[in-house]
Amino acid sequence: MESFILAGDIGGTKTTLAIIDPIKGPRTFIVKETLPSSNYPTLDALLDVFLEGKNFSLSRACFGIAGPIFEGSVQMPNLPWLIKESTLSEKLKISVHLINDLEAIATSVPILEKDDLETLSSGKSARHGSLAVIAPGTGLGEAYLHWNGTDYQSYPSEGGHVDFAPTNQMQFELMTYLQDRFGHVSYERVCSGPGLINLYAFFKESGKYPEPDWLRAQISKIDNPAPIISQAALEGKAEIAVATLDLFVSILGREAGNLALNVLATGGVYLGGGIPPRIIPFLKKELFMDSFKNKGRFSTMLANIPVYIICNPDAALVGAAYYGLK
């Protein structure tokens, strides 16, 4: 009987699972379903629902998970799920691998196609040069890939939690504002969905920009106003929203450039996560690439690094499938 791969992209909000035929490769899903994670007490329970009635002979599974993996185990930060490779292997009677969700996205990068990407800077990719992935979404994820002589090997990182470094007077004021609220200020505090809300609050509470009544009314009705702020900026309807997204893009460019230097990403930098595909017009402004390249004596090197947006929403699932196949 033909043997199939089970792949998953497991997040605090939703979990997407797929069955992959090794012959057809990691980009072709025989079956794919997305389920609300919080509706299930455990991943085991969710897997039972997904696998019910599906008569596939599975040989192995790989799950990309939003959380740090230690010795084959992860306690998800946004769900009461403790997930262990050993427990899942025993349940499914197959080999199971857990990888960080950013490692999963990074694993997909070498097999992404032209239609999966939006180019911000074509640059000049170095053959077998290291690759970097930075992904603002619910948090700020970072990962990288190095050439091992045969293919690219991906590595996870918690670089999104390094200290935020302001680069001008306004950002110093932002830093002070956020230190009063949080104590430690990481890049994730200013470069993620919640980070976008923090930037907006800074502009509003500092009085730098007025908040229109209509925008205040919309924001007051929902728990996560980041999409409303972004949309208002994209439509040019509110100066405070435009300023917020400009600052967000500038900071993202800076940290993407930092990551490129940290891992010497001469092969390219890839923007993943849920936010970049939604704000492409702002990322295509000169502001992002100017911030990315502004590294003093290394500005010329940064200008030569290709920069892309990953627009394929299934990149993490493709990466988990590819990892499972490998």
Protein backbone atom coordinates (compact mmCIF):
# COMPACT_ATOMS: atom_id res chain seq x y z
CA MET A 1 0.00 0.00 0.00
CA GLU A 2 1.27 3.49 -0.88
CA SER A 3 2.65 5.41 2.09
CA PHE A 4 1.76 9.05 2.76
CA ILE A 5 3.10 11.94 4.87
CA LEU A 6 1.04 13.84 7.46
CA ALA A 7 2.06 17.51 7.73
CA GLY A 8 0.74 20.26 9.97
CA ASP A 9 1.01 23.99 10.62
CA ILE A 10 -0.07 24.32 14.25
CA GLY A 11 -0.83 27.75 15.68
CA GLY A 12 -2.68 29.20 18.63
CA THR A 13 -5.60 30.32 16.46
CA LYS A 14 -5.83 27.62 13.80
CA THR A 15 -4.25 24.35 12.77
CA THR A 16 -3.90 23.31 9.13
CA LEU A 17 -3.24 19.65 8.37
CA ALA A 18 -2.53 17.95 5.08
CA ILE A 19 -1.82 14.53 3.58
CA ILE A 20 1.05 14.46 1.09
CA ASP A 21 1.89 11.85 -1.52
CA PRO A 22 5.73 11.55 -1.61
CA ILE A 23 5.60 10.93 -5.35
CA LYS A 24 3.78 14.22 -6.02
CA GLY A 25 5.97 16.20 -3.61
CA PRO A 26 5.45 18.61 -0.71
CA ARG A 27 3.55 21.26 -2.65
CA THR A 28 0.65 18.99 -3.58
CA PHE A 29 -1.91 18.29 -0.85
CA ILE A 30 -4.08 15.20 -1.33
CA VAL A 31 -6.24 16.42 1.56
CA LYS A 32 -6.03 19.73 3.43
CA GLU A 33 -8.20 21.02 6.28
CA THR A 34 -8.01 23.96 8.68
CA LEU A 35 -9.51 23.60 12.15
CA PRO A 36 -9.83 26.12 15.03
CA SER A 37 -7.16 25.10 17.54
CA SER A 38 -8.94 26.42 20.63
CA ASN A 39 -11.94 24.14 19.99
CA TYR A 40 -9.88 21.11 21.01
CA PRO A 41 -8.37 20.23 24.42
CA THR A 42 -5.29 18.63 22.85
CA LEU A 43 -3.61 18.12 19.49
CA ASP A 44 -4.48 14.44 19.85
CA ALA A 45 -8.19 15.31 19.86
CA LEU A 46 -7.82 17.54 16.81
CA LEU A 47 -5.91 14.82 14.94
CA ASP A 48 -8.70 12.33 15.70
CA VAL A 49 -11.21 14.64 14.01
CA PHE A 50 -8.97 15.25 11.00
CA LEU A 51 -8.05 11.59 10.44
CA GLU A 52 -11.55 10.19 10.95
CA GLY A 53 -12.71 8.44 7.78
CA LYS A 54 -9.42 8.99 5.93
CA ASN A 55 -7.99 5.68 4.83
CA PHE A 56 -4.36 6.61 4.22
CA SER A 57 -1.34 4.54 5.18
CA LEU A 58 0.95 7.07 6.92
CA SER A 59 4.71 6.55 7.13
CA ARG A 60 5.69 9.66 9.09
CA ALA A 61 4.48 13.08 10.25
CA CYS A 62 5.99 16.51 10.69
CA PHE A 63 4.37 19.44 12.46
CA GLY A 64 5.49 23.06 12.41
CA ILE A 65 4.49 24.56 15.76
CA ALA A 66 4.33 28.14 17.02
CA GLY A 67 6.61 27.68 20.01
CA PRO A 68 10.15 26.69 20.98
CA ILE A 69 10.92 22.95 20.67
CA PHE A 70 13.08 21.40 23.40
CA GLU A 71 14.09 17.74 23.21
CA GLY A 72 11.12 16.83 21.07
CA SER A 73 8.58 18.61 23.26
CA VAL A 74 6.80 21.96 23.25
CA GLN A 75 4.41 23.72 25.59
CA MET A 76 2.47 26.00 23.26
CA PRO A 77 2.51 29.60 24.52
CA ASN A 78 -1.03 30.46 23.38
CA LEU A 79 -2.76 27.13 24.05
CA PRO A 80 -2.80 24.67 26.98
CA TRP A 81 -1.25 22.04 24.70
CA LEU A 82 1.83 20.06 25.73
CA ILE A 83 2.97 18.30 22.56
CA LYS A 84 5.56 15.51 22.55
CA GLU A 85 7.05 13.63 19.64
CA SER A 86 7.09 10.40 21.65
CA THR A 87 3.40 10.62 22.58
CA LEU A 88 2.32 11.38 19.02
CA SER A 89 4.53 8.62 17.60
CA GLU A 90 2.92 6.13 19.94
CA LYS A 91 -0.57 7.35 19.04
CA LEU A 92 -0.07 7.39 15.26
CA LYS A 93 2.30 4.38 15.14
CA ILE A 94 4.70 6.32 12.90
CA SER A 95 7.77 8.53 13.22
CA VAL A 96 6.82 12.10 14.24
CA HIS A 97 8.98 15.23 14.07
CA LEU A 98 8.22 18.60 15.67
CA ILE A 99 9.84 21.75 14.31
CA ASN A 100 9.37 25.43 15.07
CA ASP A 101 6.91 27.18 12.76
CA LEU A 102 9.60 29.58 11.49
CA GLU A 103 11.89 26.64 10.83
CA ALA A 104 9.02 25.19 8.79
CA ILE A 105 8.68 28.40 6.76
CA ALA A 106 12.45 28.52 6.28
CA THR A 107 12.47 24.90 5.11
CA SER A 108 10.01 25.84 2.36
CA VAL A 109 12.16 28.67 0.99
CA PRO A 110 14.42 26.61 -1.32
CA ILE A 111 11.38 25.09 -3.08
CA LEU A 112 9.24 28.23 -3.34
CA GLU A 113 8.36 29.25 -6.87
CA LYS A 114 8.19 32.62 -8.60
CA ASP A 115 4.44 32.94 -8.04
CA ASP A 116 4.95 32.42 -4.29
CA LEU A 117 7.06 35.56 -3.98
CA GLU A 118 6.86 39.32 -4.39
CA THR A 119 10.23 40.94 -5.08
CA LEU A 120 11.21 44.05 -3.10
CA SER A 121 14.81 44.09 -4.29
CA SER A 122 16.25 41.77 -6.93
CA GLY A 123 19.83 42.29 -5.71
CA LYS A 124 22.46 39.73 -6.64
CA SER A 125 22.12 36.39 -4.89
CA ALA A 126 25.37 34.67 -3.91
CA ARG A 127 25.46 31.01 -4.95
CA HIS A 128 24.82 28.88 -1.86
CA GLY A 129 24.73 32.04 0.25
CA SER A 130 22.91 31.88 3.57
CA LEU A 131 19.22 32.81 3.64
CA ALA A 132 17.23 34.65 6.30
CA VAL A 133 13.52 34.64 7.14
CA ILE A 134 11.79 37.28 9.25
CA ALA A 135 8.06 36.94 9.85
CA PRO A 136 5.89 39.52 11.63
CA GLY A 137 2.47 38.18 12.60
CA THR A 138 1.08 37.41 16.05
CA GLY A 139 4.73 37.57 17.11
CA LEU A 140 8.01 38.26 15.32
CA GLY A 141 9.64 35.06 14.12
CA GLU A 142 13.13 34.71 12.72
CA ALA A 143 15.01 31.79 11.17
CA TYR A 144 17.88 31.18 8.78
CA LEU A 145 19.31 28.61 6.39
CA HIS A 146 22.91 27.59 5.66
CA TRP A 147 24.21 25.49 2.76
CA ASN A 148 25.66 22.24 4.14
CA GLY A 149 27.38 21.16 0.93
CA THR A 150 24.38 19.21 -0.37
CA ASP A 151 21.33 21.32 0.37
CA TYR A 152 20.01 24.06 2.67
CA GLN A 153 19.58 23.27 6.36
CA SER A 154 17.13 25.47 8.30
CA TYR A 155 17.59 26.64 11.88
CA PRO A 156 15.11 28.27 14.28
CA SER A 157 15.81 31.41 16.26
CA GLU A 158 14.22 33.57 18.94
CA GLY A 159 15.80 36.70 17.47
CA GLY A 160 12.50 38.58 17.61
CA HIS A 161 13.01 38.93 21.36
CA VAL A 162 16.34 40.77 21.19
CA ASP A 163 16.49 44.35 22.47
CA PHE A 164 14.81 46.97 20.31
CA ALA A 165 17.36 49.60 19.23
CA PRO A 166 15.93 53.06 18.42
CA THR A 167 17.66 54.92 15.59
CA ASN A 168 16.20 58.45 15.78
CA GLN A 169 14.62 60.84 18.27
CA MET A 170 11.06 59.66 17.69
CA GLN A 171 12.07 56.04 18.22
CA PHE A 172 13.86 57.01 21.43
CA GLU A 173 10.58 58.52 22.62
CA LEU A 174 8.81 55.33 21.57
CA MET A 175 11.35 53.30 23.53
CA THR A 176 10.73 55.33 26.68
CA TYR A 177 6.97 55.01 26.24
CA LEU A 178 7.16 51.23 25.88
CA GLN A 179 9.67 50.77 28.71
CA ASP A 180 7.16 52.38 31.05
CA ARG A 181 4.56 49.83 29.92
CA PHE A 182 6.60 46.64 29.52
CA GLY A 183 10.03 47.08 31.08
CA HIS A 184 12.00 45.11 28.49
CA VAL A 185 11.29 46.20 24.91
CA SER A 186 12.06 43.68 22.19
CA TYR A 187 11.62 43.99 18.43
CA GLU A 188 8.49 41.88 18.79
CA ARG A 189 6.95 44.70 20.88
CA VAL A 190 7.18 47.03 17.88
CA CYS A 191 7.22 44.71 14.87
CA SER A 192 4.25 42.33 15.07
CA GLY A 193 0.46 42.56 15.13
CA PRO A 194 0.47 43.63 18.80
CA GLY A 195 3.51 45.79 18.00
CA LEU A 196 1.52 47.70 15.38
CA ILE A 197 -1.09 48.44 18.05
CA ASN A 198 1.69 49.64 20.39
CA LEU A 199 2.95 52.05 17.73
CA TYR A 200 -0.54 53.40 17.16
CA ALA A 201 -1.06 53.87 20.92
CA PHE A 202 2.25 55.76 21.14
CA PHE A 203 1.21 58.23 18.43
CA LYS A 204 -2.24 58.63 19.96
CA GLU A 205 -1.21 59.02 23.62
CA SER A 206 1.75 61.29 22.83
CA GLY A 207 -0.57 63.62 20.91
CA LYS A 208 1.62 63.48 17.81
CA TYR A 209 -1.39 62.68 15.62
CA PRO A 210 -5.12 63.08 16.25
CA GLU A 211 -7.32 59.98 16.21
CA PRO A 212 -10.38 60.43 13.97
CA ASP A 213 -13.70 59.74 15.67
CA TRP A 214 -14.69 57.14 13.05
CA LEU A 215 -11.47 55.22 13.54
CA ARG A 216 -11.79 55.36 17.33
CA ALA A 217 -15.33 53.97 17.03
CA GLN A 218 -14.18 51.05 14.85
CA ILE A 219 -11.24 50.21 17.10
CA SER A 220 -13.40 50.23 20.23
CA LYS A 221 -15.55 47.38 18.86
CA ILE A 222 -12.84 44.73 18.44
CA ASP A 223 -10.09 43.07 20.46
CA ASN A 224 -7.45 43.18 17.71
CA PRO A 225 -7.46 46.54 15.87
CA ALA A 226 -4.25 45.88 13.89
CA PRO A 227 -6.10 44.99 10.63
CA ILE A 228 -8.28 48.11 10.90
CA ILE A 229 -5.24 50.33 11.47
CA SER A 230 -3.43 48.74 8.51
CA GLN A 231 -6.44 49.09 6.23
CA ALA A 232 -6.92 52.73 7.19
CA ALA A 233 -3.27 53.34 6.32
CA LEU A 234 -3.47 51.48 3.01
CA GLU A 235 -6.52 53.55 2.03
CA GLY A 236 -4.86 56.78 3.24
CA LYS A 237 -7.88 57.59 5.40
CA ALA A 238 -6.13 58.58 8.64
CA GLU A 239 -2.79 60.33 9.14
CA ILE A 240 -2.20 58.49 12.42
CA ALA A 241 -2.65 55.13 10.68
CA VAL A 242 -0.29 56.07 7.84
CA ALA A 243 2.34 57.24 10.34
CA THR A 244 1.92 53.99 12.31
CA LEU A 245 2.42 51.75 9.29
CA ASP A 246 5.34 53.85 8.03
CA LEU A 247 7.07 53.46 11.40
CA PHE A 248 6.30 49.73 11.43
CA VAL A 249 7.81 49.29 7.96
CA SER A 250 10.87 51.32 8.88
CA ILE A 251 11.52 49.21 12.00
CA LEU A 252 10.91 45.97 10.08
CA GLY A 253 13.45 47.08 7.47
CA ARG A 254 16.02 47.80 10.18
CA GLU A 255 15.59 44.43 11.88
CA ALA A 256 15.57 42.58 8.54
CA GLY A 257 18.91 44.25 7.80
CA ASN A 258 20.19 43.29 11.26
CA LEU A 259 19.24 39.66 10.61
CA ALA A 260 20.92 39.74 7.20
CA LEU A 261 24.17 40.85 8.86
CA ASN A 262 23.83 38.38 11.75
CA VAL A 263 23.66 35.35 9.45
CA LEU A 264 25.44 36.89 6.43
CA ALA A 265 22.36 36.28 4.29
CA THR A 266 23.99 36.88 0.91
CA GLY A 267 21.53 34.45 -0.68
CA GLY A 268 18.50 36.55 0.20
CA VAL A 269 16.10 37.74 2.89
CA TYR A 270 12.49 36.55 2.93
CA LEU A 271 9.60 38.29 4.69
CA GLY A 272 7.10 35.73 5.96
CA GLY A 273 4.21 35.81 8.40
CA GLY A 274 0.70 37.13 8.01
CA ILE A 275 1.42 40.87 7.85
CA PRO A 276 3.81 41.46 4.88
CA PRO A 277 1.48 40.14 2.14
CA ARG A 278 -1.24 42.50 3.41
CA ILE A 279 0.90 45.66 3.35
CA ILE A 280 2.83 45.25 0.09
CA PRO A 281 2.21 48.86 -1.08
CA PHE A 282 3.92 50.18 2.07
CA LEU A 283 6.77 47.67 1.82
CA LYS A 284 7.37 48.83 -1.75
CA LYS A 285 7.92 52.40 -0.59
CA GLU A 286 11.58 53.45 -0.47
CA LEU A 287 11.28 53.59 3.32
CA PHE A 288 11.63 49.82 3.83
CA MET A 289 14.67 49.26 1.63
CA ASP A 290 16.30 52.51 2.82
CA SER A 291 16.01 51.22 6.38
CA PHE A 292 17.20 47.75 5.36
CA LYS A 293 20.33 49.09 3.64
CA ASN A 294 21.25 51.78 6.18
CA LYS A 295 24.17 49.93 7.79
CA GLY A 296 27.06 52.35 7.43
CA ARG A 297 30.10 50.65 5.90
CA PHE A 298 27.99 47.59 5.04
CA SER A 299 25.28 49.51 3.17
CA THR A 300 26.61 48.42 -0.23
CA MET A 301 26.58 44.77 0.80
CA LEU A 302 22.99 45.05 2.05
CA ALA A 303 21.95 46.75 -1.21
CA ASN A 304 23.11 43.66 -3.11
CA ILE A 305 21.03 41.20 -1.04
CA PRO A 306 17.76 40.11 -2.69
CA VAL A 307 14.64 40.73 -0.58
CA TYR A 308 11.33 38.95 -1.13
CA ILE A 309 7.87 38.71 0.43
CA ILE A 310 6.52 35.17 0.85
CA CYS A 311 2.93 35.41 -0.42
CA ASN A 312 2.07 31.70 -0.25
CA PRO A 313 -0.11 31.32 2.89
CA ASP A 314 0.77 27.60 3.06
CA ALA A 315 4.55 28.12 3.24
CA ALA A 316 4.81 26.64 6.76
CA LEU A 317 2.73 23.62 5.71
CA VAL A 318 4.88 23.10 2.60
CA GLY A 319 7.99 23.36 4.76
CA ALA A 320 6.71 20.81 7.28
CA ALA A 321 5.85 18.44 4.43
CA TYR A 322 9.27 18.92 2.84
CA TYR A 323 10.99 18.30 6.19
CA GLY A 324 8.93 15.12 6.59
CA LEU A 325 9.88 13.92 3.12
CA LYS A 326 13.58 14.62 3.75
